[in-house]
Amino acid sequence: MSEIRTIRISAGRGPVEARHFVAMLAEALREHLLARGVAVHGVEHHGAREAPGRVALRVSADLERRMPELLGTHLLLAELRGPRSRHRWFAAVELDDGRAPAEPLLPRHELDLRFVRSRGPGGQNVNKRATAVQITHRPSGLQATCDRHRSQVRNRIEALACLRRRVAEHTVERERDRASSDAWEARRELLTREPVMCWRLDPRRPDAIVPA
């Protein structure tokens, strides 16, 4: 089974237009990867979906060999107010180091559990009993829900496992943001100097981009 890696797309401290570029670039890369036979296992937006601060794509491994040309700085040339007003927006595409974050042990007093009726398939047992489980991690506000099984116990185990992964990833992201805030400013000039790929707005789709 292929290892799962994470591609991170970010515009640093760029304005909202740069964050729009992040969203469009993430979708363009997702389509590009699928067309090349790379499995995309999930997309996570940090911030508003249409203008996120960053996007994480979970994909099959060995991407250094399969798509090295996509890693680096991407440039969007957008004529937002006519041909005489061209704007340039930048985003960085980076691959994680492959190390999965350690999943924390979540103390029971930090968790809120709710049991609700499942809306999915599963027969009469699902409809009559509150088998779906929603768990909230109070310190972070993160939630996980599972209603895949008829058994409330199995749903609780799966929801808790999912929540532990999310809390671990949230912790890593928070630490990465703290460490990279100054680093981004230091490397910003270098990143914006030599883009690996240039894009333009797709004239057929207002919220999409195509290679320039």
N, C-alpha and C. Protein backbone atom coordinates (compact mmCIF):
# COMPACT_ATOMS: atom_id res chain seq x y z
N MET A 1 0.84 -1.20 0.00
CA MET A 1 0.00 0.00 0.00
C MET A 1 0.87 1.25 0.00
N SER A 2 0.54 2.24 -0.83
CA SER A 2 1.33 3.45 -0.94
C SER A 2 1.24 4.27 0.33
N GLU A 3 2.34 4.92 0.64
CA GLU A 3 2.37 5.83 1.78
C GLU A 3 1.58 7.08 1.44
N ILE A 4 0.90 7.64 2.43
CA ILE A 4 0.14 8.86 2.23
C ILE A 4 1.00 10.05 2.61
N ARG A 5 1.08 11.01 1.71
CA ARG A 5 1.83 12.24 1.96
C ARG A 5 0.88 13.43 1.86
N THR A 6 1.35 14.58 2.29
CA THR A 6 0.53 15.78 2.28
C THR A 6 1.21 16.88 1.48
N ILE A 7 0.49 17.41 0.51
CA ILE A 7 0.93 18.59 -0.24
C ILE A 7 0.28 19.80 0.41
N ARG A 8 1.09 20.80 0.73
CA ARG A 8 0.58 22.01 1.38
C ARG A 8 0.72 23.19 0.42
N ILE A 9 -0.40 23.90 0.25
CA ILE A 9 -0.46 25.05 -0.65
C ILE A 9 -0.79 26.27 0.19
N SER A 10 0.05 27.30 0.12
CA SER A 10 -0.12 28.46 0.99
C SER A 10 0.33 29.72 0.27
N ALA A 11 -0.28 30.84 0.67
CA ALA A 11 0.13 32.15 0.15
C ALA A 11 0.78 32.98 1.23
N GLY A 12 1.20 32.36 2.31
CA GLY A 12 1.85 33.10 3.38
C GLY A 12 0.91 34.15 3.96
N ARG A 13 1.38 35.39 4.01
CA ARG A 13 0.56 36.49 4.51
C ARG A 13 -0.05 37.31 3.37
N GLY A 14 -0.25 36.67 2.24
CA GLY A 14 -0.79 37.38 1.09
C GLY A 14 -2.22 37.84 1.31
N PRO A 15 -2.70 38.79 0.48
CA PRO A 15 -4.06 39.32 0.61
C PRO A 15 -5.10 38.30 0.18
N VAL A 16 -6.36 38.71 0.23
CA VAL A 16 -7.45 37.78 -0.07
C VAL A 16 -7.35 37.27 -1.51
N GLU A 17 -6.85 38.09 -2.44
CA GLU A 17 -6.70 37.63 -3.82
C GLU A 17 -5.72 36.47 -3.90
N ALA A 18 -4.66 36.54 -3.10
CA ALA A 18 -3.70 35.43 -3.08
C ALA A 18 -4.33 34.17 -2.49
N ARG A 19 -5.21 34.34 -1.52
CA ARG A 19 -5.89 33.17 -0.93
C ARG A 19 -6.88 32.57 -1.92
N HIS A 20 -7.52 33.41 -2.73
CA HIS A 20 -8.35 32.87 -3.81
C HIS A 20 -7.50 32.02 -4.75
N PHE A 21 -6.30 32.49 -5.03
CA PHE A 21 -5.38 31.72 -5.88
C PHE A 21 -5.04 30.39 -5.24
N VAL A 22 -4.86 30.37 -3.92
CA VAL A 22 -4.58 29.11 -3.21
C VAL A 22 -5.70 28.11 -3.44
N ALA A 23 -6.96 28.56 -3.32
CA ALA A 23 -8.10 27.66 -3.52
C ALA A 23 -8.14 27.12 -4.94
N MET A 24 -7.94 27.99 -5.92
CA MET A 24 -7.99 27.56 -7.32
C MET A 24 -6.80 26.67 -7.66
N LEU A 25 -5.64 26.98 -7.10
CA LEU A 25 -4.45 26.16 -7.36
C LEU A 25 -4.62 24.76 -6.77
N ALA A 26 -5.20 24.67 -5.58
CA ALA A 26 -5.42 23.37 -4.97
C ALA A 26 -6.32 22.50 -5.84
N GLU A 27 -7.38 23.09 -6.38
CA GLU A 27 -8.29 22.33 -7.24
C GLU A 27 -7.61 21.94 -8.55
N ALA A 28 -6.82 22.86 -9.11
CA ALA A 28 -6.10 22.54 -10.35
C ALA A 28 -5.10 21.42 -10.13
N LEU A 29 -4.39 21.44 -9.01
CA LEU A 29 -3.44 20.38 -8.72
C LEU A 29 -4.14 19.05 -8.46
N ARG A 30 -5.29 19.12 -7.79
CA ARG A 30 -6.05 17.88 -7.54
C ARG A 30 -6.45 17.23 -8.87
N GLU A 31 -6.97 18.03 -9.80
CA GLU A 31 -7.35 17.49 -11.10
C GLU A 31 -6.13 16.97 -11.85
N HIS A 32 -5.01 17.67 -11.75
CA HIS A 32 -3.78 17.25 -12.42
C HIS A 32 -3.30 15.90 -11.88
N LEU A 33 -3.33 15.75 -10.57
CA LEU A 33 -2.87 14.50 -9.96
C LEU A 33 -3.77 13.33 -10.34
N LEU A 34 -5.08 13.55 -10.29
CA LEU A 34 -6.01 12.48 -10.66
C LEU A 34 -5.80 12.06 -12.11
N ALA A 35 -5.56 13.02 -12.99
CA ALA A 35 -5.34 12.71 -14.40
C ALA A 35 -4.07 11.89 -14.61
N ARG A 36 -3.11 12.04 -13.69
CA ARG A 36 -1.86 11.29 -13.79
C ARG A 36 -1.90 10.00 -12.98
N GLY A 37 -3.06 9.65 -12.47
CA GLY A 37 -3.20 8.39 -11.75
C GLY A 37 -2.77 8.42 -10.31
N VAL A 38 -2.60 9.61 -9.74
CA VAL A 38 -2.23 9.73 -8.33
C VAL A 38 -3.52 9.83 -7.50
N ALA A 39 -3.67 8.94 -6.54
CA ALA A 39 -4.87 8.94 -5.71
C ALA A 39 -4.85 10.13 -4.75
N VAL A 40 -5.96 10.86 -4.69
CA VAL A 40 -6.12 11.97 -3.75
C VAL A 40 -7.09 11.50 -2.67
N HIS A 41 -6.60 11.39 -1.45
CA HIS A 41 -7.39 10.79 -0.37
C HIS A 41 -8.15 11.81 0.46
N GLY A 42 -7.90 13.09 0.26
CA GLY A 42 -8.62 14.09 1.02
C GLY A 42 -8.09 15.48 0.73
N VAL A 43 -8.98 16.47 0.90
CA VAL A 43 -8.62 17.88 0.73
C VAL A 43 -9.09 18.61 1.98
N GLU A 44 -8.19 19.36 2.60
CA GLU A 44 -8.52 20.07 3.83
C GLU A 44 -8.23 21.56 3.65
N HIS A 45 -9.28 22.39 3.81
CA HIS A 45 -9.14 23.83 3.69
C HIS A 45 -9.00 24.44 5.08
N HIS A 46 -8.00 25.29 5.25
CA HIS A 46 -7.80 26.00 6.51
C HIS A 46 -8.23 27.44 6.28
N GLY A 47 -9.45 27.76 6.76
CA GLY A 47 -10.03 29.06 6.48
C GLY A 47 -11.21 28.91 5.55
N ALA A 48 -11.70 30.02 5.01
CA ALA A 48 -12.83 29.98 4.10
C ALA A 48 -12.51 29.12 2.88
N ARG A 49 -13.48 28.33 2.45
CA ARG A 49 -13.22 27.39 1.36
C ARG A 49 -12.82 28.12 0.08
N GLU A 50 -13.44 29.27 -0.20
CA GLU A 50 -13.14 29.98 -1.43
C GLU A 50 -11.88 30.86 -1.31
N ALA A 51 -11.41 31.10 -0.08
CA ALA A 51 -10.20 31.91 0.12
C ALA A 51 -9.46 31.43 1.36
N PRO A 52 -8.94 30.21 1.35
CA PRO A 52 -8.28 29.66 2.54
C PRO A 52 -6.86 30.20 2.71
N GLY A 53 -6.41 30.20 3.95
CA GLY A 53 -5.02 30.56 4.18
C GLY A 53 -4.08 29.52 3.62
N ARG A 54 -4.51 28.27 3.66
CA ARG A 54 -3.73 27.18 3.09
C ARG A 54 -4.66 26.00 2.84
N VAL A 55 -4.21 25.09 1.99
CA VAL A 55 -4.95 23.88 1.66
C VAL A 55 -3.99 22.70 1.73
N ALA A 56 -4.46 21.60 2.29
CA ALA A 56 -3.65 20.37 2.36
C ALA A 56 -4.31 19.30 1.51
N LEU A 57 -3.54 18.70 0.61
CA LEU A 57 -3.99 17.57 -0.21
C LEU A 57 -3.29 16.31 0.28
N ARG A 58 -4.06 15.28 0.61
CA ARG A 58 -3.47 14.01 1.03
C ARG A 58 -3.45 13.08 -0.18
N VAL A 59 -2.25 12.68 -0.55
CA VAL A 59 -2.07 11.95 -1.80
C VAL A 59 -1.14 10.77 -1.60
N SER A 60 -1.06 9.92 -2.64
CA SER A 60 -0.12 8.81 -2.62
C SER A 60 1.31 9.32 -2.65
N ALA A 61 2.22 8.51 -2.14
CA ALA A 61 3.61 8.95 -1.96
C ALA A 61 4.40 8.89 -3.26
N ASP A 62 5.71 9.06 -3.14
CA ASP A 62 6.66 9.06 -4.25
C ASP A 62 6.44 10.24 -5.18
N LEU A 63 5.97 11.36 -4.61
CA LEU A 63 5.68 12.51 -5.44
C LEU A 63 6.93 13.28 -5.84
N GLU A 64 8.02 13.13 -5.08
CA GLU A 64 9.25 13.80 -5.49
C GLU A 64 9.68 13.34 -6.87
N ARG A 65 9.39 12.08 -7.19
CA ARG A 65 9.75 11.54 -8.50
C ARG A 65 8.68 11.80 -9.54
N ARG A 66 7.41 11.77 -9.14
CA ARG A 66 6.33 11.84 -10.09
C ARG A 66 5.93 13.28 -10.44
N MET A 67 6.15 14.23 -9.54
CA MET A 67 5.74 15.60 -9.83
C MET A 67 6.69 16.64 -9.24
N PRO A 68 7.99 16.47 -9.40
CA PRO A 68 8.91 17.47 -8.83
C PRO A 68 8.72 18.85 -9.45
N GLU A 69 8.22 18.88 -10.69
CA GLU A 69 8.06 20.16 -11.37
C GLU A 69 6.96 21.01 -10.76
N LEU A 70 6.10 20.43 -9.93
CA LEU A 70 5.01 21.18 -9.32
C LEU A 70 5.36 21.74 -7.96
N LEU A 71 6.49 21.34 -7.41
CA LEU A 71 6.87 21.80 -6.07
C LEU A 71 7.66 23.09 -6.18
N GLY A 72 7.24 24.10 -5.43
CA GLY A 72 7.90 25.40 -5.48
C GLY A 72 6.88 26.51 -5.53
N THR A 73 7.27 27.63 -6.12
CA THR A 73 6.40 28.81 -6.20
C THR A 73 5.59 28.80 -7.48
N HIS A 74 4.29 29.08 -7.35
CA HIS A 74 3.39 29.20 -8.49
C HIS A 74 2.94 30.65 -8.61
N LEU A 75 2.80 31.11 -9.84
CA LEU A 75 2.45 32.51 -10.12
C LEU A 75 1.14 32.58 -10.89
N LEU A 76 0.24 33.44 -10.44
CA LEU A 76 -1.01 33.70 -11.15
C LEU A 76 -0.93 35.10 -11.74
N LEU A 77 -1.10 35.19 -13.06
CA LEU A 77 -1.19 36.47 -13.75
C LEU A 77 -2.66 36.75 -14.01
N ALA A 78 -3.23 37.70 -13.29
CA ALA A 78 -4.67 37.94 -13.36
C ALA A 78 -4.94 39.37 -13.77
N GLU A 79 -5.65 39.53 -14.89
CA GLU A 79 -6.07 40.85 -15.34
C GLU A 79 -7.45 41.12 -14.75
N LEU A 80 -7.46 41.69 -13.55
CA LEU A 80 -8.71 41.85 -12.82
C LEU A 80 -9.48 43.09 -13.24
N ARG A 81 -8.79 44.09 -13.75
CA ARG A 81 -9.46 45.34 -14.10
C ARG A 81 -9.08 45.77 -15.52
N GLY A 82 -8.98 44.81 -16.40
CA GLY A 82 -8.63 45.13 -17.78
C GLY A 82 -7.17 44.86 -18.07
N PRO A 83 -6.78 44.89 -19.33
CA PRO A 83 -5.42 44.52 -19.73
C PRO A 83 -4.34 45.45 -19.19
N ARG A 84 -4.68 46.68 -18.82
CA ARG A 84 -3.67 47.61 -18.31
C ARG A 84 -3.46 47.48 -16.81
N SER A 85 -4.16 46.57 -16.17
CA SER A 85 -4.04 46.41 -14.72
C SER A 85 -3.79 44.95 -14.38
N ARG A 86 -2.62 44.48 -14.75
CA ARG A 86 -2.27 43.08 -14.51
C ARG A 86 -1.76 42.92 -13.08
N HIS A 87 -2.22 41.86 -12.40
CA HIS A 87 -1.81 41.57 -11.03
C HIS A 87 -1.10 40.23 -10.98
N ARG A 88 -0.16 40.13 -10.06
CA ARG A 88 0.64 38.92 -9.91
C ARG A 88 0.47 38.42 -8.48
N TRP A 89 0.02 37.18 -8.36
CA TRP A 89 -0.17 36.58 -7.04
C TRP A 89 0.66 35.30 -6.96
N PHE A 90 1.21 35.05 -5.78
CA PHE A 90 2.12 33.92 -5.60
C PHE A 90 1.58 32.95 -4.55
N ALA A 91 1.89 31.67 -4.73
CA ALA A 91 1.57 30.64 -3.74
C ALA A 91 2.69 29.60 -3.75
N ALA A 92 2.95 29.03 -2.60
CA ALA A 92 3.99 28.01 -2.47
C ALA A 92 3.35 26.64 -2.37
N VAL A 93 3.92 25.66 -3.09
CA VAL A 93 3.48 24.27 -3.03
C VAL A 93 4.62 23.45 -2.45
N GLU A 94 4.37 22.82 -1.30
CA GLU A 94 5.42 22.09 -0.60
C GLU A 94 4.92 20.70 -0.22
N LEU A 95 5.84 19.78 -0.10
CA LEU A 95 5.53 18.40 0.29
C LEU A 95 6.04 18.16 1.69
N ASP A 96 5.24 17.51 2.52
CA ASP A 96 5.66 17.25 3.90
C ASP A 96 6.81 16.25 3.92
N ASP A 97 7.38 16.04 5.10
CA ASP A 97 8.54 15.15 5.21
C ASP A 97 8.17 13.69 5.36
N GLY A 98 6.85 13.39 5.31
CA GLY A 98 6.43 12.00 5.36
C GLY A 98 6.23 11.44 6.75
N ARG A 99 6.58 12.20 7.77
CA ARG A 99 6.42 11.70 9.13
C ARG A 99 5.03 12.03 9.65
N ALA A 100 4.30 11.02 10.03
CA ALA A 100 2.96 11.24 10.56
C ALA A 100 3.05 11.81 11.97
N PRO A 101 2.21 12.80 12.31
CA PRO A 101 2.24 13.34 13.67
C PRO A 101 1.76 12.31 14.68
N ALA A 102 2.37 12.34 15.84
CA ALA A 102 1.96 11.42 16.90
C ALA A 102 0.56 11.78 17.37
N GLU A 103 -0.30 10.78 17.46
CA GLU A 103 -1.67 11.03 17.89
C GLU A 103 -1.72 11.13 19.41
N PRO A 104 -2.25 12.23 19.95
CA PRO A 104 -2.23 12.44 21.39
C PRO A 104 -3.29 11.61 22.11
N LEU A 105 -3.06 11.37 23.38
CA LEU A 105 -4.08 10.81 24.24
C LEU A 105 -4.97 11.95 24.71
N LEU A 106 -6.26 11.86 24.47
CA LEU A 106 -7.18 12.94 24.80
C LEU A 106 -7.86 12.64 26.12
N PRO A 107 -7.60 13.44 27.16
CA PRO A 107 -8.26 13.21 28.46
C PRO A 107 -9.78 13.29 28.33
N ARG A 108 -10.46 12.44 29.06
CA ARG A 108 -11.92 12.39 28.97
C ARG A 108 -12.56 13.73 29.33
N HIS A 109 -11.97 14.49 30.27
CA HIS A 109 -12.60 15.74 30.68
C HIS A 109 -12.49 16.82 29.61
N GLU A 110 -11.68 16.58 28.56
CA GLU A 110 -11.57 17.55 27.47
C GLU A 110 -12.53 17.23 26.33
N LEU A 111 -13.34 16.19 26.48
CA LEU A 111 -14.20 15.74 25.40
C LEU A 111 -15.67 15.90 25.73
N ASP A 112 -16.45 16.31 24.74
CA ASP A 112 -17.91 16.31 24.82
C ASP A 112 -18.43 15.27 23.85
N LEU A 113 -19.23 14.33 24.35
CA LEU A 113 -19.80 13.28 23.51
C LEU A 113 -21.29 13.51 23.34
N ARG A 114 -21.76 13.35 22.10
CA ARG A 114 -23.19 13.43 21.79
C ARG A 114 -23.57 12.18 21.01
N PHE A 115 -24.72 11.64 21.34
CA PHE A 115 -25.24 10.46 20.66
C PHE A 115 -26.54 10.85 19.97
N VAL A 116 -26.56 10.69 18.65
CA VAL A 116 -27.72 11.10 17.87
C VAL A 116 -28.14 9.97 16.95
N ARG A 117 -29.31 10.09 16.40
CA ARG A 117 -29.79 9.07 15.47
C ARG A 117 -29.04 9.17 14.16
N SER A 118 -28.60 8.04 13.67
CA SER A 118 -27.89 8.01 12.40
C SER A 118 -28.85 8.24 11.26
N ARG A 119 -28.38 8.96 10.24
CA ARG A 119 -29.20 9.21 9.05
C ARG A 119 -28.83 8.30 7.89
N GLY A 120 -27.77 7.53 8.06
CA GLY A 120 -27.30 6.68 6.98
C GLY A 120 -28.02 5.36 6.93
N PRO A 121 -27.62 4.46 6.00
CA PRO A 121 -28.23 3.14 5.89
C PRO A 121 -27.86 2.28 7.08
N GLY A 122 -28.59 1.20 7.25
CA GLY A 122 -28.28 0.31 8.36
C GLY A 122 -29.50 -0.37 8.93
N GLY A 123 -30.67 -0.07 8.38
CA GLY A 123 -31.85 -0.79 8.83
C GLY A 123 -32.55 -0.12 10.00
N GLN A 124 -33.49 -0.85 10.59
CA GLN A 124 -34.33 -0.29 11.64
C GLN A 124 -33.53 0.07 12.87
N ASN A 125 -32.47 -0.68 13.15
CA ASN A 125 -31.68 -0.40 14.35
C ASN A 125 -31.12 1.02 14.33
N VAL A 126 -30.70 1.46 13.13
CA VAL A 126 -30.16 2.81 13.01
C VAL A 126 -31.23 3.84 13.27
N ASN A 127 -32.43 3.61 12.80
CA ASN A 127 -33.50 4.59 12.92
C ASN A 127 -34.05 4.70 14.33
N LYS A 128 -34.02 3.62 15.09
CA LYS A 128 -34.64 3.62 16.41
C LYS A 128 -33.69 4.05 17.52
N ARG A 129 -32.40 3.85 17.34
CA ARG A 129 -31.44 4.12 18.42
C ARG A 129 -30.48 5.23 18.02
N ALA A 130 -30.00 5.95 19.02
CA ALA A 130 -29.02 7.01 18.79
C ALA A 130 -27.65 6.38 18.67
N THR A 131 -27.34 5.87 17.48
CA THR A 131 -26.08 5.14 17.30
C THR A 131 -24.95 6.03 16.80
N ALA A 132 -25.27 7.15 16.16
CA ALA A 132 -24.23 8.04 15.67
C ALA A 132 -23.57 8.76 16.84
N VAL A 133 -22.26 8.97 16.72
CA VAL A 133 -21.49 9.58 17.81
C VAL A 133 -20.76 10.81 17.29
N GLN A 134 -20.89 11.90 18.02
CA GLN A 134 -20.14 13.12 17.72
C GLN A 134 -19.31 13.49 18.93
N ILE A 135 -18.00 13.67 18.73
CA ILE A 135 -17.10 13.99 19.83
C ILE A 135 -16.44 15.33 19.53
N THR A 136 -16.45 16.22 20.52
CA THR A 136 -15.84 17.54 20.39
C THR A 136 -14.67 17.65 21.36
N HIS A 137 -13.54 18.11 20.85
CA HIS A 137 -12.37 18.38 21.69
C HIS A 137 -12.46 19.83 22.16
N ARG A 138 -12.75 20.04 23.43
CA ARG A 138 -13.02 21.38 23.94
C ARG A 138 -11.88 22.37 23.71
N PRO A 139 -10.63 22.03 24.03
CA PRO A 139 -9.56 23.02 23.88
C PRO A 139 -9.39 23.56 22.46
N SER A 140 -9.57 22.70 21.46
CA SER A 140 -9.36 23.12 20.07
C SER A 140 -10.65 23.41 19.33
N GLY A 141 -11.78 22.89 19.82
CA GLY A 141 -13.04 23.04 19.11
C GLY A 141 -13.21 22.08 17.96
N LEU A 142 -12.26 21.18 17.75
CA LEU A 142 -12.35 20.22 16.65
C LEU A 142 -13.40 19.15 16.96
N GLN A 143 -14.04 18.66 15.90
CA GLN A 143 -15.08 17.65 16.06
C GLN A 143 -14.83 16.47 15.12
N ALA A 144 -15.38 15.34 15.51
CA ALA A 144 -15.38 14.16 14.65
C ALA A 144 -16.70 13.43 14.87
N THR A 145 -17.29 12.95 13.79
CA THR A 145 -18.57 12.26 13.86
C THR A 145 -18.47 10.95 13.10
N CYS A 146 -19.10 9.92 13.63
CA CYS A 146 -19.15 8.64 12.93
C CYS A 146 -20.55 8.05 13.07
N ASP A 147 -21.13 7.64 11.95
CA ASP A 147 -22.43 6.97 11.95
C ASP A 147 -22.43 5.79 10.98
N ARG A 148 -21.24 5.24 10.74
CA ARG A 148 -21.11 4.17 9.75
C ARG A 148 -21.63 2.83 10.23
N HIS A 149 -21.67 2.62 11.53
CA HIS A 149 -21.98 1.30 12.08
C HIS A 149 -23.29 1.32 12.87
N ARG A 150 -23.88 0.16 13.00
CA ARG A 150 -25.06 0.04 13.87
C ARG A 150 -24.68 0.12 15.33
N SER A 151 -23.48 -0.28 15.63
CA SER A 151 -23.02 -0.30 17.02
C SER A 151 -22.55 1.09 17.45
N GLN A 152 -23.12 1.58 18.53
CA GLN A 152 -22.69 2.85 19.09
C GLN A 152 -21.25 2.78 19.56
N VAL A 153 -20.85 1.63 20.09
CA VAL A 153 -19.48 1.47 20.57
C VAL A 153 -18.48 1.59 19.42
N ARG A 154 -18.77 0.94 18.31
CA ARG A 154 -17.86 1.01 17.16
C ARG A 154 -17.79 2.42 16.60
N ASN A 155 -18.94 3.10 16.55
CA ASN A 155 -18.94 4.48 16.09
C ASN A 155 -18.12 5.38 17.01
N ARG A 156 -18.21 5.14 18.31
CA ARG A 156 -17.45 5.96 19.26
C ARG A 156 -15.95 5.72 19.11
N ILE A 157 -15.56 4.46 18.93
CA ILE A 157 -14.14 4.15 18.75
C ILE A 157 -13.59 4.82 17.49
N GLU A 158 -14.36 4.74 16.41
CA GLU A 158 -13.90 5.31 15.15
C GLU A 158 -13.88 6.83 15.20
N ALA A 159 -14.89 7.44 15.82
CA ALA A 159 -14.92 8.89 15.94
C ALA A 159 -13.76 9.39 16.79
N LEU A 160 -13.44 8.67 17.86
CA LEU A 160 -12.33 9.07 18.72
C LEU A 160 -11.00 8.97 17.99
N ALA A 161 -10.83 7.91 17.21
CA ALA A 161 -9.60 7.75 16.44
C ALA A 161 -9.45 8.88 15.43
N CYS A 162 -10.55 9.25 14.78
CA CYS A 162 -10.52 10.34 13.82
C CYS A 162 -10.19 11.66 14.51
N LEU A 163 -10.79 11.88 15.68
CA LEU A 163 -10.53 13.12 16.42
C LEU A 163 -9.07 13.21 16.85
N ARG A 164 -8.50 12.09 17.28
CA ARG A 164 -7.09 12.10 17.68
C ARG A 164 -6.19 12.50 16.51
N ARG A 165 -6.50 12.00 15.32
CA ARG A 165 -5.72 12.37 14.14
C ARG A 165 -5.85 13.86 13.85
N ARG A 166 -7.07 14.37 13.96
CA ARG A 166 -7.28 15.79 13.67
C ARG A 166 -6.59 16.69 14.68
N VAL A 167 -6.63 16.31 15.96
CA VAL A 167 -5.95 17.11 16.98
C VAL A 167 -4.44 17.09 16.74
N ALA A 168 -3.90 15.92 16.39
CA ALA A 168 -2.47 15.83 16.10
C ALA A 168 -2.09 16.71 14.92
N GLU A 169 -2.89 16.66 13.86
CA GLU A 169 -2.61 17.48 12.68
C GLU A 169 -2.76 18.96 13.00
N HIS A 170 -3.77 19.30 13.81
CA HIS A 170 -3.97 20.70 14.21
C HIS A 170 -2.78 21.22 14.99
N THR A 171 -2.24 20.39 15.87
CA THR A 171 -1.07 20.79 16.66
C THR A 171 0.13 21.02 15.77
N VAL A 172 0.33 20.11 14.81
CA VAL A 172 1.45 20.26 13.88
C VAL A 172 1.29 21.53 13.05
N GLU A 173 0.07 21.79 12.55
CA GLU A 173 -0.17 22.98 11.75
C GLU A 173 0.09 24.24 12.56
N ARG A 174 -0.35 24.26 13.81
CA ARG A 174 -0.15 25.44 14.65
C ARG A 174 1.33 25.69 14.89
N GLU A 175 2.07 24.62 15.15
CA GLU A 175 3.52 24.77 15.35
C GLU A 175 4.20 25.20 14.06
N ARG A 176 3.73 24.67 12.94
CA ARG A 176 4.33 25.04 11.66
C ARG A 176 4.07 26.51 11.36
N ASP A 177 2.85 26.98 11.64
CA ASP A 177 2.54 28.39 11.41
C ASP A 177 3.43 29.30 12.24
N ARG A 178 3.62 28.91 13.49
CA ARG A 178 4.44 29.73 14.39
C ARG A 178 5.89 29.78 13.90
N ALA A 179 6.38 28.64 13.45
CA ALA A 179 7.78 28.58 13.02
C ALA A 179 8.00 29.22 11.66
N SER A 180 6.96 29.20 10.81
CA SER A 180 7.16 29.66 9.44
C SER A 180 6.79 31.12 9.22
N SER A 181 6.16 31.77 10.19
CA SER A 181 5.72 33.15 9.99
C SER A 181 6.90 34.07 9.65
N ASP A 182 7.98 33.93 10.40
CA ASP A 182 9.18 34.73 10.12
C ASP A 182 9.95 34.16 8.93
N ALA A 183 9.95 32.83 8.82
CA ALA A 183 10.70 32.21 7.71
C ALA A 183 10.09 32.60 6.37
N TRP A 184 8.74 32.72 6.32
CA TRP A 184 8.11 33.09 5.06
C TRP A 184 8.57 34.47 4.60
N GLU A 185 8.61 35.41 5.52
CA GLU A 185 9.05 36.75 5.16
C GLU A 185 10.49 36.73 4.66
N ALA A 186 11.32 35.90 5.28
CA ALA A 186 12.73 35.85 4.90
C ALA A 186 12.92 35.27 3.51
N ARG A 187 12.06 34.31 3.12
CA ARG A 187 12.26 33.66 1.83
C ARG A 187 11.30 34.16 0.76
N ARG A 188 10.45 35.11 1.12
CA ARG A 188 9.41 35.54 0.19
C ARG A 188 9.99 36.10 -1.10
N GLU A 189 11.03 36.92 -0.98
CA GLU A 189 11.62 37.51 -2.17
C GLU A 189 12.19 36.43 -3.08
N LEU A 190 12.84 35.43 -2.47
CA LEU A 190 13.40 34.34 -3.26
C LEU A 190 12.31 33.53 -3.94
N LEU A 191 11.22 33.25 -3.21
CA LEU A 191 10.14 32.44 -3.75
C LEU A 191 9.47 33.12 -4.93
N THR A 192 9.29 34.44 -4.84
CA THR A 192 8.58 35.14 -5.90
C THR A 192 9.46 35.43 -7.10
N ARG A 193 10.72 35.07 -7.05
CA ARG A 193 11.64 35.41 -8.14
C ARG A 193 11.60 34.39 -9.26
N GLU A 194 11.49 33.11 -8.95
CA GLU A 194 11.58 32.07 -9.97
C GLU A 194 10.43 31.07 -9.82
N PRO A 195 9.24 31.40 -10.31
CA PRO A 195 8.12 30.46 -10.22
C PRO A 195 8.35 29.22 -11.07
N VAL A 196 7.89 28.08 -10.55
CA VAL A 196 8.02 26.83 -11.31
C VAL A 196 6.91 26.69 -12.34
N MET A 197 5.82 27.45 -12.14
CA MET A 197 4.70 27.34 -13.06
C MET A 197 3.88 28.62 -13.00
N CYS A 198 3.39 29.07 -14.16
CA CYS A 198 2.56 30.28 -14.24
C CYS A 198 1.15 29.89 -14.66
N TRP A 199 0.18 30.61 -14.12
CA TRP A 199 -1.23 30.33 -14.36
C TRP A 199 -1.95 31.61 -14.79
N ARG A 200 -3.12 31.40 -15.41
CA ARG A 200 -4.02 32.51 -15.72
C ARG A 200 -5.44 32.06 -15.43
N LEU A 201 -6.34 33.02 -15.30
CA LEU A 201 -7.74 32.68 -15.05
C LEU A 201 -8.33 31.99 -16.27
N ASP A 202 -9.16 30.98 -16.01
CA ASP A 202 -9.82 30.24 -17.09
C ASP A 202 -10.99 31.09 -17.60
N PRO A 203 -11.00 31.50 -18.87
CA PRO A 203 -12.10 32.33 -19.37
C PRO A 203 -13.44 31.61 -19.39
N ARG A 204 -13.42 30.27 -19.33
CA ARG A 204 -14.66 29.51 -19.37
C ARG A 204 -15.25 29.26 -17.99
N ARG A 205 -14.37 29.31 -16.95
CA ARG A 205 -14.83 29.06 -15.58
C ARG A 205 -14.29 30.16 -14.68
N PRO A 206 -15.15 30.96 -14.07
CA PRO A 206 -14.68 32.13 -13.31
C PRO A 206 -13.85 31.79 -12.08
N ASP A 207 -14.03 30.60 -11.51
CA ASP A 207 -13.31 30.23 -10.29
C ASP A 207 -12.27 29.14 -10.56
N ALA A 208 -11.69 29.15 -11.75
CA ALA A 208 -10.69 28.14 -12.10
C ALA A 208 -9.52 28.80 -12.81
N ILE A 209 -8.40 28.08 -12.85
CA ILE A 209 -7.20 28.57 -13.52
C ILE A 209 -6.69 27.51 -14.48
N VAL A 210 -5.90 27.97 -15.45
CA VAL A 210 -5.27 27.07 -16.42
C VAL A 210 -3.82 27.52 -16.58
N PRO A 211 -2.94 26.61 -17.02
CA PRO A 211 -1.55 27.02 -17.23
C PRO A 211 -1.45 28.18 -18.21
N ALA A 212 -0.59 29.14 -17.91
CA ALA A 212 -0.43 30.32 -18.77
C ALA A 212 0.40 29.98 -20.00
